[in-house]
PDB file of N, CA and C in Angstrom:
ATOM      1  N   UNK A   1      -3.811 -31.105  -6.990  1.00  0.00           N
ATOM      2  CA  UNK A   1      -3.072 -32.267  -6.404  1.00  0.00           C
ATOM      3  C   UNK A   1      -3.057 -32.079  -4.885  1.00  0.00           C
ATOM      4  N   UNK A   2      -3.379 -33.121  -4.122  1.00  0.00           N
ATOM      5  CA  UNK A   2      -3.480 -33.029  -2.642  1.00  0.00           C
ATOM      6  C   UNK A   2      -2.073 -33.103  -2.091  1.00  0.00           C
ATOM      7  N   UNK A   3      -1.835 -32.529  -0.922  1.00  0.00           N
ATOM      8  CA  UNK A   3      -0.608 -32.740  -0.161  1.00  0.00           C
ATOM      9  C   UNK A   3      -0.452 -34.164   0.271  1.00  0.00           C
ATOM     10  N   UNK A   4       0.710 -34.595   0.173  1.00  0.00           N
ATOM     11  CA  UNK A   4       1.061 -35.970   0.673  1.00  0.00           C
ATOM     12  C   UNK A   4       1.407 -36.034   2.101  1.00  0.00           C
ATOM     13  N   UNK A   5       1.827 -34.923   2.692  1.00  0.00           N
ATOM     14  CA  UNK A   5       2.106 -34.897   4.088  1.00  0.00           C
ATOM     15  C   UNK A   5       1.574 -33.559   4.756  1.00  0.00           C
ATOM     16  N   UNK A   6       1.184 -33.517   5.995  1.00  0.00           N
ATOM     17  CA  UNK A   6       0.790 -32.309   6.661  1.00  0.00           C
ATOM     18  C   UNK A   6       1.985 -31.260   6.765  1.00  0.00           C
ATOM     19  N   UNK A   7       1.664 -30.008   6.897  1.00  0.00           N
ATOM     20  CA  UNK A   7       2.677 -29.095   7.149  1.00  0.00           C
ATOM     21  C   UNK A   7       3.303 -29.308   8.436  1.00  0.00           C
ATOM     22  N   UNK A   8       4.677 -29.248   8.430  1.00  0.00           N
ATOM     23  CA  UNK A   8       5.360 -29.447   9.893  1.00  0.00           C
ATOM     24  C   UNK A   8       5.614 -28.123  10.340  1.00  0.00           C
ATOM     25  N   UNK A   9       5.633 -28.023  11.708  1.00  0.00           N
ATOM     26  CA  UNK A   9       5.966 -26.695  12.296  1.00  0.00           C
ATOM     27  C   UNK A   9       7.410 -26.215  12.131  1.00  0.00           C
ATOM     28  N   UNK A  10       8.340 -27.038  11.854  1.00  0.00           N
ATOM     29  CA  UNK A  10       9.746 -26.800  11.700  1.00  0.00           C
ATOM     30  C   UNK A  10      10.194 -26.451  10.304  1.00  0.00           C
ATOM     31  N   UNK A  11       9.168 -26.458   9.371  1.00  0.00           N
ATOM     32  CA  UNK A  11       9.500 -26.150   7.980  1.00  0.00           C
ATOM     33  C   UNK A  11       9.834 -24.622   7.890  1.00  0.00           C
ATOM     34  N   UNK A  12      10.868 -24.257   7.032  1.00  0.00           N
ATOM     35  CA  UNK A  12      11.286 -22.810   6.975  1.00  0.00           C
ATOM     36  C   UNK A  12      10.085 -21.904   6.592  1.00  0.00           C
ATOM     37  N   UNK A  13       9.236 -22.411   5.621  1.00  0.00           N
ATOM     38  CA  UNK A  13       8.117 -21.637   5.169  1.00  0.00           C
ATOM     39  C   UNK A  13       7.154 -21.227   6.312  1.00  0.00           C
ATOM     40  N   UNK A  14       6.907 -22.239   7.115  1.00  0.00           N
ATOM     41  CA  UNK A  14       6.041 -22.007   8.313  1.00  0.00           C
ATOM     42  C   UNK A  14       6.568 -20.931   9.241  1.00  0.00           C
ATOM     43  N   UNK A  15       7.948 -21.097   9.453  1.00  0.00           N
ATOM     44  CA  UNK A  15       8.546 -20.145  10.347  1.00  0.00           C
ATOM     45  C   UNK A  15       8.429 -18.727   9.836  1.00  0.00           C
ATOM     46  N   UNK A  16       8.700 -18.544   8.563  1.00  0.00           N
ATOM     47  CA  UNK A  16       8.709 -17.240   7.856  1.00  0.00           C
ATOM     48  C   UNK A  16       7.228 -16.692   8.004  1.00  0.00           C
ATOM     49  N   UNK A  17       6.213 -17.607   7.765  1.00  0.00           N
ATOM     50  CA  UNK A  17       4.958 -17.066   7.849  1.00  0.00           C
ATOM     51  C   UNK A  17       4.566 -16.636   9.223  1.00  0.00           C
ATOM     52  N   UNK A  18       5.025 -17.314  10.251  1.00  0.00           N
ATOM     53  CA  UNK A  18       4.755 -16.945  11.663  1.00  0.00           C
ATOM     54  C   UNK A  18       5.436 -15.616  11.928  1.00  0.00           C
ATOM     55  N   UNK A  19       6.621 -15.415  11.481  1.00  0.00           N
ATOM     56  CA  UNK A  19       7.324 -14.144  11.641  1.00  0.00           C
ATOM     57  C   UNK A  19       6.576 -13.007  10.973  1.00  0.00           C
ATOM     58  N   UNK A  20       6.086 -13.212   9.740  1.00  0.00           N
ATOM     59  CA  UNK A  20       5.343 -12.207   8.987  1.00  0.00           C
ATOM     60  C   UNK A  20       4.099 -11.820   9.728  1.00  0.00           C
ATOM     61  N   UNK A  21       3.434 -12.878  10.213  1.00  0.00           N
ATOM     62  CA  UNK A  21       2.046 -12.721  10.917  1.00  0.00           C
ATOM     63  C   UNK A  21       2.311 -11.861  12.168  1.00  0.00           C
ATOM     64  N   UNK A  22       3.435 -12.097  12.902  1.00  0.00           N
ATOM     65  CA  UNK A  22       3.707 -11.318  14.099  1.00  0.00           C
ATOM     66  C   UNK A  22       3.947  -9.895  13.732  1.00  0.00           C
ATOM     67  N   UNK A  23       4.723  -9.605  12.627  1.00  0.00           N
ATOM     68  CA  UNK A  23       5.067  -8.167  12.292  1.00  0.00           C
ATOM     69  C   UNK A  23       3.871  -7.468  11.929  1.00  0.00           C
ATOM     70  N   UNK A  24       2.924  -8.208  11.097  1.00  0.00           N
ATOM     71  CA  UNK A  24       1.721  -7.474  10.692  1.00  0.00           C
ATOM     72  C   UNK A  24       0.888  -7.120  11.889  1.00  0.00           C
ATOM     73  N   UNK A  25       0.794  -8.084  12.932  1.00  0.00           N
ATOM     74  CA  UNK A  25      -0.016  -7.910  14.062  1.00  0.00           C
ATOM     75  C   UNK A  25       0.521  -6.733  14.850  1.00  0.00           C
ATOM     76  N   UNK A  26       1.911  -6.590  14.878  1.00  0.00           N
ATOM     77  CA  UNK A  26       2.417  -5.557  15.790  1.00  0.00           C
ATOM     78  C   UNK A  26       2.157  -4.110  15.162  1.00  0.00           C
ATOM     79  N   UNK A  27       2.118  -3.967  13.920  1.00  0.00           N
ATOM     80  CA  UNK A  27       2.059  -2.681  13.232  1.00  0.00           C
ATOM     81  C   UNK A  27       0.581  -2.390  12.932  1.00  0.00           C
ATOM     82  N   UNK A  28       0.019  -1.663  13.909  1.00  0.00           N
ATOM     83  CA  UNK A  28      -1.287  -1.158  13.697  1.00  0.00           C
ATOM     84  C   UNK A  28      -1.206   0.267  13.363  1.00  0.00           C
ATOM     85  N   UNK A  29      -1.569   0.774  12.244  1.00  0.00           N
ATOM     86  CA  UNK A  29      -1.431   2.231  11.905  1.00  0.00           C
ATOM     87  C   UNK A  29      -2.131   3.159  12.778  1.00  0.00           C
ATOM     88  N   UNK A  30      -3.195   2.683  13.333  1.00  0.00           N
ATOM     89  CA  UNK A  30      -4.059   3.549  14.290  1.00  0.00           C
ATOM     90  C   UNK A  30      -3.470   3.799  15.635  1.00  0.00           C
ATOM     91  N   UNK A  31      -2.401   3.084  15.958  1.00  0.00           N
ATOM     92  CA  UNK A  31      -1.848   3.120  17.339  1.00  0.00           C
ATOM     93  C   UNK A  31      -0.468   3.781  17.262  1.00  0.00           C
ATOM     94  N   UNK A  32      -0.224   4.695  16.387  1.00  0.00           N
ATOM     95  CA  UNK A  32       1.100   5.495  16.280  1.00  0.00           C
ATOM     96  C   UNK A  32       1.102   6.345  17.481  1.00  0.00           C
ATOM     97  N   UNK A  33       2.254   6.258  18.093  1.00  0.00           N
ATOM     98  CA  UNK A  33       2.508   7.046  19.450  1.00  0.00           C
ATOM     99  C   UNK A  33       2.543   8.441  19.020  1.00  0.00           C
ATOM    100  N   UNK A  34       1.942   9.368  19.840  1.00  0.00           N
ATOM    101  CA  UNK A  34       2.031  10.830  19.723  1.00  0.00           C
ATOM    102  C   UNK A  34       1.089  11.373  18.568  1.00  0.00           C
ATOM    103  N   UNK A  35       0.271  10.586  17.993  1.00  0.00           N
ATOM    104  CA  UNK A  35      -0.626  11.024  17.012  1.00  0.00           C
ATOM    105  C   UNK A  35      -1.985  10.612  17.341  1.00  0.00           C
ATOM    106  N   UNK A  36      -3.003  11.505  16.891  1.00  0.00           N
ATOM    107  CA  UNK A  36      -4.420  11.331  17.130  1.00  0.00           C
ATOM    108  C   UNK A  36      -4.915  10.122  16.239  1.00  0.00           C
ATOM    109  N   UNK A  37      -5.479   9.191  16.857  1.00  0.00           N
ATOM    110  CA  UNK A  37      -5.974   7.926  15.980  1.00  0.00           C
ATOM    111  C   UNK A  37      -6.931   8.329  14.929  1.00  0.00           C
ATOM    112  N   UNK A  38      -7.891   9.315  15.274  1.00  0.00           N
ATOM    113  CA  UNK A  38      -8.902   9.740  14.258  1.00  0.00           C
ATOM    114  C   UNK A  38      -8.227  10.413  13.109  1.00  0.00           C
ATOM    115  N   UNK A  39      -7.163  11.302  13.371  1.00  0.00           N
ATOM    116  CA  UNK A  39      -6.484  11.855  12.234  1.00  0.00           C
ATOM    117  C   UNK A  39      -5.740  10.902  11.431  1.00  0.00           C
ATOM    118  N   UNK A  40      -5.077   9.926  12.073  1.00  0.00           N
ATOM    119  CA  UNK A  40      -4.253   8.983  11.304  1.00  0.00           C
ATOM    120  C   UNK A  40      -5.256   8.085  10.354  1.00  0.00           C
ATOM    121  N   UNK A  41      -6.391   7.725  10.905  1.00  0.00           N
ATOM    122  CA  UNK A  41      -7.379   6.928  10.195  1.00  0.00           C
ATOM    123  C   UNK A  41      -7.812   7.811   9.033  1.00  0.00           C
ATOM    124  N   UNK A  42      -8.144   9.042   9.216  1.00  0.00           N
ATOM    125  CA  UNK A  42      -8.633   9.882   8.148  1.00  0.00           C
ATOM    126  C   UNK A  42      -7.577  10.090   7.142  1.00  0.00           C
ATOM    127  N   UNK A  43      -6.313  10.253   7.499  1.00  0.00           N
ATOM    128  CA  UNK A  43      -5.218  10.404   6.451  1.00  0.00           C
ATOM    129  C   UNK A  43      -5.110   9.113   5.679  1.00  0.00           C
ATOM    130  N   UNK A  44      -5.292   7.856   6.233  1.00  0.00           N
ATOM    131  CA  UNK A  44      -5.259   6.761   5.481  1.00  0.00           C
ATOM    132  C   UNK A  44      -6.279   6.509   4.510  1.00  0.00           C
ATOM    133  N   UNK A  45      -7.548   7.039   4.831  1.00  0.00           N
ATOM    134  CA  UNK A  45      -8.601   6.838   3.911  1.00  0.00           C
ATOM    135  C   UNK A  45      -8.332   7.882   2.771  1.00  0.00           C
ATOM    136  N   UNK A  46      -7.992   9.202   3.122  1.00  0.00           N
ATOM    137  CA  UNK A  46      -7.860  10.159   2.041  1.00  0.00           C
ATOM    138  C   UNK A  46      -6.715   9.852   1.128  1.00  0.00           C
ATOM    139  N   UNK A  47      -5.590   9.235   1.582  1.00  0.00           N
ATOM    140  CA  UNK A  47      -4.468   8.909   0.780  1.00  0.00           C
ATOM    141  C   UNK A  47      -4.855   7.865  -0.279  1.00  0.00           C
ATOM    142  N   UNK A  48      -5.729   7.026   0.060  1.00  0.00           N
ATOM    143  CA  UNK A  48      -5.972   5.943  -0.900  1.00  0.00           C
ATOM    144  C   UNK A  48      -6.907   6.395  -2.018  1.00  0.00           C
ATOM    145  N   UNK A  49      -7.581   7.489  -1.827  1.00  0.00           N
ATOM    146  CA  UNK A  49      -8.413   7.915  -2.940  1.00  0.00           C
ATOM    147  C   UNK A  49      -8.139   9.283  -3.549  1.00  0.00           C
ATOM    148  N   UNK A  50      -6.958   9.809  -3.084  1.00  0.00           N
ATOM    149  CA  UNK A  50      -6.633  11.103  -3.527  1.00  0.00           C
ATOM    150  C   UNK A  50      -6.295  11.334  -4.980  1.00  0.00           C
ATOM    151  N   UNK A  51      -5.620  10.284  -5.566  1.00  0.00           N
ATOM    152  CA  UNK A  51      -5.207  10.348  -6.993  1.00  0.00           C
ATOM    153  C   UNK A  51      -6.341  10.143  -7.940  1.00  0.00           C
ATOM    154  N   UNK A  52      -7.238   9.307  -7.508  1.00  0.00           N
ATOM    155  CA  UNK A  52      -8.437   9.052  -8.261  1.00  0.00           C
ATOM    156  C   UNK A  52      -9.316  10.234  -8.409  1.00  0.00           C
ATOM    157  N   UNK A  53      -9.503  10.998  -7.173  1.00  0.00           N
ATOM    158  CA  UNK A  53     -10.317  12.150  -7.147  1.00  0.00           C
ATOM    159  C   UNK A  53      -9.737  13.235  -7.857  1.00  0.00           C
ATOM    160  N   UNK A  54      -8.427  13.403  -7.839  1.00  0.00           N
ATOM    161  CA  UNK A  54      -7.552  14.554  -8.596  1.00  0.00           C
ATOM    162  C   UNK A  54      -7.811  14.183 -10.149  1.00  0.00           C
ATOM    163  N   UNK A  55      -7.697  12.923 -10.594  1.00  0.00           N
ATOM    164  CA  UNK A  55      -7.875  12.676 -12.034  1.00  0.00           C
ATOM    165  C   UNK A  55      -9.303  12.931 -12.418  1.00  0.00           C
ATOM    166  N   UNK A  56     -10.245  12.652 -11.505  1.00  0.00           N
ATOM    167  CA  UNK A  56     -11.669  12.913 -11.865  1.00  0.00           C
ATOM    168  C   UNK A  56     -11.888  14.368 -12.099  1.00  0.00           C
ATOM    169  N   UNK A  57     -11.310  15.157 -11.270  1.00  0.00           N
ATOM    170  CA  UNK A  57     -11.403  16.602 -11.297  1.00  0.00           C
ATOM    171  C   UNK A  57     -10.737  17.350 -12.511  1.00  0.00           C
ATOM    172  N   UNK A  58      -9.733  16.622 -13.048  1.00  0.00           N
ATOM    173  CA  UNK A  58      -8.980  17.390 -14.085  1.00  0.00           C
ATOM    174  C   UNK A  58      -9.635  17.287 -15.357  1.00  0.00           C
ATOM    175  N   UNK A  59      -9.494  18.259 -16.246  1.00  0.00           N
ATOM    176  CA  UNK A  59      -9.975  18.140 -17.676  1.00  0.00           C
ATOM    177  C   UNK A  59      -8.993  17.312 -18.408  1.00  0.00           C
ATOM    178  N   UNK A  60      -9.624  16.756 -19.594  1.00  0.00           N
ATOM    179  CA  UNK A  60      -8.756  15.934 -20.320  1.00  0.00           C
ATOM    180  C   UNK A  60      -7.549  16.525 -20.951  1.00  0.00           C
ATOM    181  N   UNK A  61      -7.689  17.832 -21.257  1.00  0.00           N
ATOM    182  CA  UNK A  61      -6.512  18.680 -21.725  1.00  0.00           C
ATOM    183  C   UNK A  61      -5.354  18.692 -20.679  1.00  0.00           C
ATOM    184  N   UNK A  62      -5.911  18.985 -19.418  1.00  0.00           N
ATOM    185  CA  UNK A  62      -4.922  19.187 -18.317  1.00  0.00           C
ATOM    186  C   UNK A  62      -4.228  17.830 -17.997  1.00  0.00           C
ATOM    187  N   UNK A  63      -5.049  16.711 -18.026  1.00  0.00           N
ATOM    188  CA  UNK A  63      -4.400  15.318 -17.818  1.00  0.00           C
ATOM    189  C   UNK A  63      -3.399  15.068 -18.885  1.00  0.00           C
ATOM    190  N   UNK A  64      -3.761  15.474 -20.193  1.00  0.00           N
ATOM    191  CA  UNK A  64      -2.846  15.097 -21.286  1.00  0.00           C
ATOM    192  C   UNK A  64      -1.606  15.905 -21.053  1.00  0.00           C
ATOM    193  N   UNK A  65      -1.650  17.101 -20.707  1.00  0.00           N
ATOM    194  CA  UNK A  65      -0.549  18.006 -20.603  1.00  0.00           C
ATOM    195  C   UNK A  65       0.391  17.339 -19.328  1.00  0.00           C
ATOM    196  N   UNK A  66      -0.164  16.844 -18.307  1.00  0.00           N
ATOM    197  CA  UNK A  66       0.579  16.365 -17.219  1.00  0.00           C
ATOM    198  C   UNK A  66       1.296  15.027 -17.734  1.00  0.00           C
ATOM    199  N   UNK A  67       0.638  14.242 -18.495  1.00  0.00           N
ATOM    200  CA  UNK A  67       1.141  12.982 -18.974  1.00  0.00           C
ATOM    201  C   UNK A  67       2.263  13.176 -19.903  1.00  0.00           C
ATOM    202  N   UNK A  68       2.189  14.236 -20.790  1.00  0.00           N
ATOM    203  CA  UNK A  68       3.312  14.530 -21.648  1.00  0.00           C
ATOM    204  C   UNK A  68       4.542  15.092 -20.977  1.00  0.00           C
ATOM    205  N   UNK A  69       4.296  15.906 -19.940  1.00  0.00           N
ATOM    206  CA  UNK A  69       5.322  16.454 -19.155  1.00  0.00           C
ATOM    207  C   UNK A  69       6.141  15.204 -18.522  1.00  0.00           C
ATOM    208  N   UNK A  70       5.297  14.354 -17.879  1.00  0.00           N
ATOM    209  CA  UNK A  70       5.797  13.127 -17.218  1.00  0.00           C
ATOM    210  C   UNK A  70       6.684  12.260 -18.152  1.00  0.00           C
ATOM    211  N   UNK A  71       6.112  12.114 -19.477  1.00  0.00           N
ATOM    212  CA  UNK A  71       6.818  11.268 -20.416  1.00  0.00           C
ATOM    213  C   UNK A  71       8.108  11.908 -20.848  1.00  0.00           C
ATOM    214  N   UNK A  72       8.087  13.144 -20.962  1.00  0.00           N
ATOM    215  CA  UNK A  72       9.317  13.937 -21.411  1.00  0.00           C
ATOM    216  C   UNK A  72      10.432  13.837 -20.326  1.00  0.00           C
ATOM    217  N   UNK A  73       9.956  13.926 -19.050  1.00  0.00           N
ATOM    218  CA  UNK A  73      10.802  13.832 -17.908  1.00  0.00           C
ATOM    219  C   UNK A  73      11.509  12.390 -17.888  1.00  0.00           C
ATOM    220  N   UNK A  74      10.705  11.434 -18.300  1.00  0.00           N
ATOM    221  CA  UNK A  74      11.247   9.949 -18.261  1.00  0.00           C
ATOM    222  C   UNK A  74      12.273   9.816 -19.378  1.00  0.00           C
ATOM    223  N   UNK A  75      11.924  10.285 -20.559  1.00  0.00           N
ATOM    224  CA  UNK A  75      12.803  10.155 -21.700  1.00  0.00           C
ATOM    225  C   UNK A  75      14.056  11.000 -21.780  1.00  0.00           C
ATOM    226  N   UNK A  76      13.880  12.068 -21.003  1.00  0.00           N
ATOM    227  CA  UNK A  76      15.119  12.958 -20.955  1.00  0.00           C
ATOM    228  C   UNK A  76      16.220  12.407 -20.108  1.00  0.00           C
ATOM    229  N   UNK A  77      15.983  11.522 -19.309  1.00  0.00           N
ATOM    230  CA  UNK A  77      17.098  11.008 -18.470  1.00  0.00           C
ATOM    231  C   UNK A  77      18.159  10.309 -19.105  1.00  0.00           C
TER     232      UNK A  77
END
């Protein structure tokens, strides 16, 4: 269904979108003060694939043992 009217600048949703866009633009993880940009970028890359790599390297018995331990911890609460 087509919009019946164009989006107005003073609509609350547009204001919220603008604020969100400004916050995202401000937060650049590579520009963290006091930290080396190369190391920060490297850490971001490694963190995103760490769990997958660990699961790939574990044997099925070890993965099963870890899952059982986690399930027991959840159900013991």
